[in-house]
Amino acid sequence: QVQLVESGGGLVQAGGSLRLACAASGRYVMGWFRQAPGEESEFVSAISKSGGSFSVANAVKGRFTISRDDAKNTVYLQMNSLKPEDTAVYYCAGRRFGDNIISSDPVDYAYWGQGTQVTVSS
């Protein structure tokens, strides 16, 4: 049973920072997605198994950084210069073990965490 457990969400003022963490029960291509109330899921960032390749959505480029610590089977999303429009539930997701390509499409991810709320006040 693959498990993904997010942590690190919270309330922050605009311009502030948060770091999300996603602890996985194995090593997978990992992605972060977010969903604001009444909106569809939105790709945020993804990282390869090795950590050598990653993808970042234009909306967060230059502000968010994805990384991984394979000794801890944990993927991080460092979020800086947060804006009110970043407010959403953030989900980490993992591709199946044999799927080695990073993807921005949520249908490519088989495993999902429970989500963590990020609220940015203006």
C-alpha atoms as a PDB file:
ATOM      1  CA  GLN A   1       0.000   0.000   0.000  1.00  0.00           C
ATOM      2  CA  VAL A   2       1.551   3.271  -1.162  1.00  0.00           C
ATOM      3  CA  GLN A   3       1.121   6.090   1.304  1.00  0.00           C
ATOM      4  CA  LEU A   4       1.740   9.795   0.833  1.00  0.00           C
ATOM      5  CA  VAL A   5       1.474  12.099   3.813  1.00  0.00           C
ATOM      6  CA  GLU A   6       1.658  15.878   3.397  1.00  0.00           C
ATOM      7  CA  SER A   7       2.556  18.390   6.044  1.00  0.00           C
ATOM      8  CA  GLY A   8       3.514  22.030   6.329  1.00  0.00           C
ATOM      9  CA  GLY A   9       0.408  23.882   5.253  1.00  0.00           C
ATOM     10  CA  GLY A  10      -0.996  26.800   7.177  1.00  0.00           C
ATOM     11  CA  LEU A  11      -1.919  30.456   7.183  1.00  0.00           C
ATOM     12  CA  VAL A  12       0.611  33.018   6.025  1.00  0.00           C
ATOM     13  CA  GLN A  13       0.539  36.646   4.987  1.00  0.00           C
ATOM     14  CA  ALA A  14       1.147  37.659   1.409  1.00  0.00           C
ATOM     15  CA  GLY A  15       4.858  37.758   0.698  1.00  0.00           C
ATOM     16  CA  GLY A  16       5.572  35.054   3.248  1.00  0.00           C
ATOM     17  CA  SER A  17       6.908  31.538   2.824  1.00  0.00           C
ATOM     18  CA  LEU A  18       5.883  27.989   3.604  1.00  0.00           C
ATOM     19  CA  ARG A  19       7.509  24.647   2.981  1.00  0.00           C
ATOM     20  CA  LEU A  20       5.334  21.651   2.260  1.00  0.00           C
ATOM     21  CA  ALA A  21       6.607  18.135   2.737  1.00  0.00           C
ATOM     22  CA  CYS A  22       5.328  14.859   1.375  1.00  0.00           C
ATOM     23  CA  ALA A  23       6.560  11.655   2.951  1.00  0.00           C
ATOM     24  CA  ALA A  24       6.212   8.648   0.677  1.00  0.00           C
ATOM     25  CA  SER A  25       6.429   4.942   1.359  1.00  0.00           C
ATOM     26  CA  GLY A  26       8.716   4.502  -1.662  1.00  0.00           C
ATOM     27  CA  ARG A  27      10.576   6.297  -4.412  1.00  0.00           C
ATOM     28  CA  TYR A  28       8.440   7.645  -7.259  1.00  0.00           C
ATOM     29  CA  VAL A  29       8.162  10.465  -9.717  1.00  0.00           C
ATOM     30  CA  MET A  30       6.364  13.008  -7.569  1.00  0.00           C
ATOM     31  CA  GLY A  31       4.175  15.977  -8.278  1.00  0.00           C
ATOM     32  CA  TRP A  32       2.365  18.740  -6.462  1.00  0.00           C
ATOM     33  CA  PHE A  33      -1.097  19.889  -7.451  1.00  0.00           C
ATOM     34  CA  ARG A  34      -3.460  22.375  -5.892  1.00  0.00           C
ATOM     35  CA  GLN A  35      -7.166  22.994  -5.909  1.00  0.00           C
ATOM     36  CA  ALA A  36      -8.887  26.178  -4.877  1.00  0.00           C
ATOM     37  CA  PRO A  37     -12.584  26.206  -3.929  1.00  0.00           C
ATOM     38  CA  GLY A  38     -14.781  25.950  -6.991  1.00  0.00           C
ATOM     39  CA  GLU A  39     -11.841  25.439  -9.327  1.00  0.00           C
ATOM     40  CA  GLU A  40     -10.246  22.494 -11.038  1.00  0.00           C
ATOM     41  CA  SER A  41      -7.042  20.863  -9.935  1.00  0.00           C
ATOM     42  CA  GLU A  42      -3.980  22.758 -11.092  1.00  0.00           C
ATOM     43  CA  PHE A  43      -0.472  21.428 -11.668  1.00  0.00           C
ATOM     44  CA  VAL A  44       2.180  23.112  -9.554  1.00  0.00           C
ATOM     45  CA  SER A  45       5.430  21.189  -9.935  1.00  0.00           C
ATOM     46  CA  ALA A  46       6.906  17.739 -10.457  1.00  0.00           C
ATOM     47  CA  ILE A  47      10.269  16.081  -9.941  1.00  0.00           C
ATOM     48  CA  SER A  48      11.941  12.991 -11.339  1.00  0.00           C
ATOM     49  CA  LYS A  49      13.021  10.018  -9.261  1.00  0.00           C
ATOM     50  CA  SER A  50      16.628  11.182  -9.355  1.00  0.00           C
ATOM     51  CA  GLY A  51      15.741  14.795  -8.644  1.00  0.00           C
ATOM     52  CA  GLY A  52      17.683  15.800 -11.712  1.00  0.00           C
ATOM     53  CA  SER A  53      14.642  16.869 -13.720  1.00  0.00           C
ATOM     54  CA  PHE A  54      11.698  18.938 -12.673  1.00  0.00           C
ATOM     55  CA  SER A  55       8.846  20.972 -14.056  1.00  0.00           C
ATOM     56  CA  VAL A  56       7.257  24.088 -12.619  1.00  0.00           C
ATOM     57  CA  ALA A  57       3.995  25.767 -13.595  1.00  0.00           C
ATOM     58  CA  ASN A  58       4.287  29.270 -14.996  1.00  0.00           C
ATOM     59  CA  ALA A  59       2.041  30.607 -12.246  1.00  0.00           C
ATOM     60  CA  VAL A  60       4.618  29.752  -9.583  1.00  0.00           C
ATOM     61  CA  LYS A  61       7.869  29.835 -11.528  1.00  0.00           C
ATOM     62  CA  GLY A  62      10.540  31.787  -9.706  1.00  0.00           C
ATOM     63  CA  ARG A  63       8.653  31.535  -6.414  1.00  0.00           C
ATOM     64  CA  PHE A  64       8.212  27.792  -5.752  1.00  0.00           C
ATOM     65  CA  THR A  65      10.962  25.176  -5.711  1.00  0.00           C
ATOM     66  CA  ILE A  66      10.531  21.429  -5.653  1.00  0.00           C
ATOM     67  CA  SER A  67      13.178  19.134  -4.209  1.00  0.00           C
ATOM     68  CA  ARG A  68      13.534  15.675  -2.733  1.00  0.00           C
ATOM     69  CA  ASP A  69      15.477  13.896  -0.043  1.00  0.00           C
ATOM     70  CA  ASP A  70      15.596  10.247  -1.005  1.00  0.00           C
ATOM     71  CA  ALA A  71      17.160   9.219   2.284  1.00  0.00           C
ATOM     72  CA  LYS A  72      13.874  10.273   3.832  1.00  0.00           C
ATOM     73  CA  ASN A  73      11.622   9.424   0.870  1.00  0.00           C
ATOM     74  CA  THR A  74      10.344  12.975   1.155  1.00  0.00           C
ATOM     75  CA  VAL A  75       9.555  15.588  -1.464  1.00  0.00           C
ATOM     76  CA  TYR A  76       9.402  19.260  -0.575  1.00  0.00           C
ATOM     77  CA  LEU A  77       7.734  22.290  -2.072  1.00  0.00           C
ATOM     78  CA  GLN A  78       9.350  25.514  -0.931  1.00  0.00           C
ATOM     79  CA  MET A  79       6.912  28.351  -1.521  1.00  0.00           C
ATOM     80  CA  ASN A  80       8.199  31.903  -1.356  1.00  0.00           C
ATOM     81  CA  SER A  81       6.615  35.273  -2.114  1.00  0.00           C
ATOM     82  CA  LEU A  82       3.204  33.767  -1.570  1.00  0.00           C
ATOM     83  CA  LYS A  83       0.168  35.514  -3.013  1.00  0.00           C
ATOM     84  CA  PRO A  84      -3.510  35.309  -2.038  1.00  0.00           C
ATOM     85  CA  GLU A  85      -4.155  33.476  -5.308  1.00  0.00           C
ATOM     86  CA  ASP A  86      -1.912  30.663  -4.069  1.00  0.00           C
ATOM     87  CA  THR A  87      -4.589  29.801  -1.521  1.00  0.00           C
ATOM     88  CA  ALA A  88      -5.688  26.210  -2.122  1.00  0.00           C
ATOM     89  CA  VAL A  89      -5.493  22.682  -0.856  1.00  0.00           C
ATOM     90  CA  TYR A  90      -2.165  21.293  -1.972  1.00  0.00           C
ATOM     91  CA  TYR A  91      -1.830  17.625  -2.831  1.00  0.00           C
ATOM     92  CA  CYS A  92       1.248  15.570  -3.467  1.00  0.00           C
ATOM     93  CA  ALA A  93       0.993  12.735  -5.921  1.00  0.00           C
ATOM     94  CA  GLY A  94       3.149   9.848  -7.067  1.00  0.00           C
ATOM     95  CA  ARG A  95       3.397   7.980 -10.326  1.00  0.00           C
ATOM     96  CA  ARG A  96       3.553   4.205 -10.390  1.00  0.00           C
ATOM     97  CA  PHE A  97       6.955   2.669  -9.715  1.00  0.00           C
ATOM     98  CA  GLY A  98       7.710   1.919 -13.376  1.00  0.00           C
ATOM     99  CA  ASP A  99       6.592   5.330 -14.674  1.00  0.00           C
ATOM    100  CA  ASN A 100       9.728   7.433 -14.830  1.00  0.00           C
ATOM    101  CA  ILE A 101       8.575  10.511 -16.739  1.00  0.00           C
ATOM    102  CA  ILE A 102       7.515  13.660 -14.929  1.00  0.00           C
ATOM    103  CA  SER A 103       4.074  14.835 -15.900  1.00  0.00           C
ATOM    104  CA  SER A 104       1.787  17.793 -15.331  1.00  0.00           C
ATOM    105  CA  ASP A 105      -1.349  15.727 -15.958  1.00  0.00           C
ATOM    106  CA  PRO A 106      -3.056  14.529 -12.774  1.00  0.00           C
ATOM    107  CA  VAL A 107      -4.395  11.434 -14.558  1.00  0.00           C
ATOM    108  CA  ASP A 108      -0.814  10.172 -14.800  1.00  0.00           C
ATOM    109  CA  TYR A 109      -0.522   9.945 -11.025  1.00  0.00           C
ATOM    110  CA  ALA A 110      -1.734   6.847  -9.231  1.00  0.00           C
ATOM    111  CA  TYR A 111      -1.130   7.796  -5.625  1.00  0.00           C
ATOM    112  CA  TRP A 112      -2.384  10.857  -3.771  1.00  0.00           C
ATOM    113  CA  GLY A 113      -1.957  12.356  -0.344  1.00  0.00           C
ATOM    114  CA  GLN A 114      -4.771  13.693   1.765  1.00  0.00           C
ATOM    115  CA  GLY A 115      -4.002  17.329   1.006  1.00  0.00           C
ATOM    116  CA  THR A 116      -2.848  20.233   3.132  1.00  0.00           C
ATOM    117  CA  GLN A 117      -4.481  23.652   3.249  1.00  0.00           C
ATOM    118  CA  VAL A 118      -2.463  26.723   2.351  1.00  0.00           C
ATOM    119  CA  THR A 119      -4.108  30.061   3.019  1.00  0.00           C
ATOM    120  CA  VAL A 120      -2.456  33.323   2.050  1.00  0.00           C
ATOM    121  CA  SER A 121      -3.979  36.460   3.498  1.00  0.00           C
ATOM    122  CA  SER A 122      -3.686  39.835   1.808  1.00  0.00           C
END
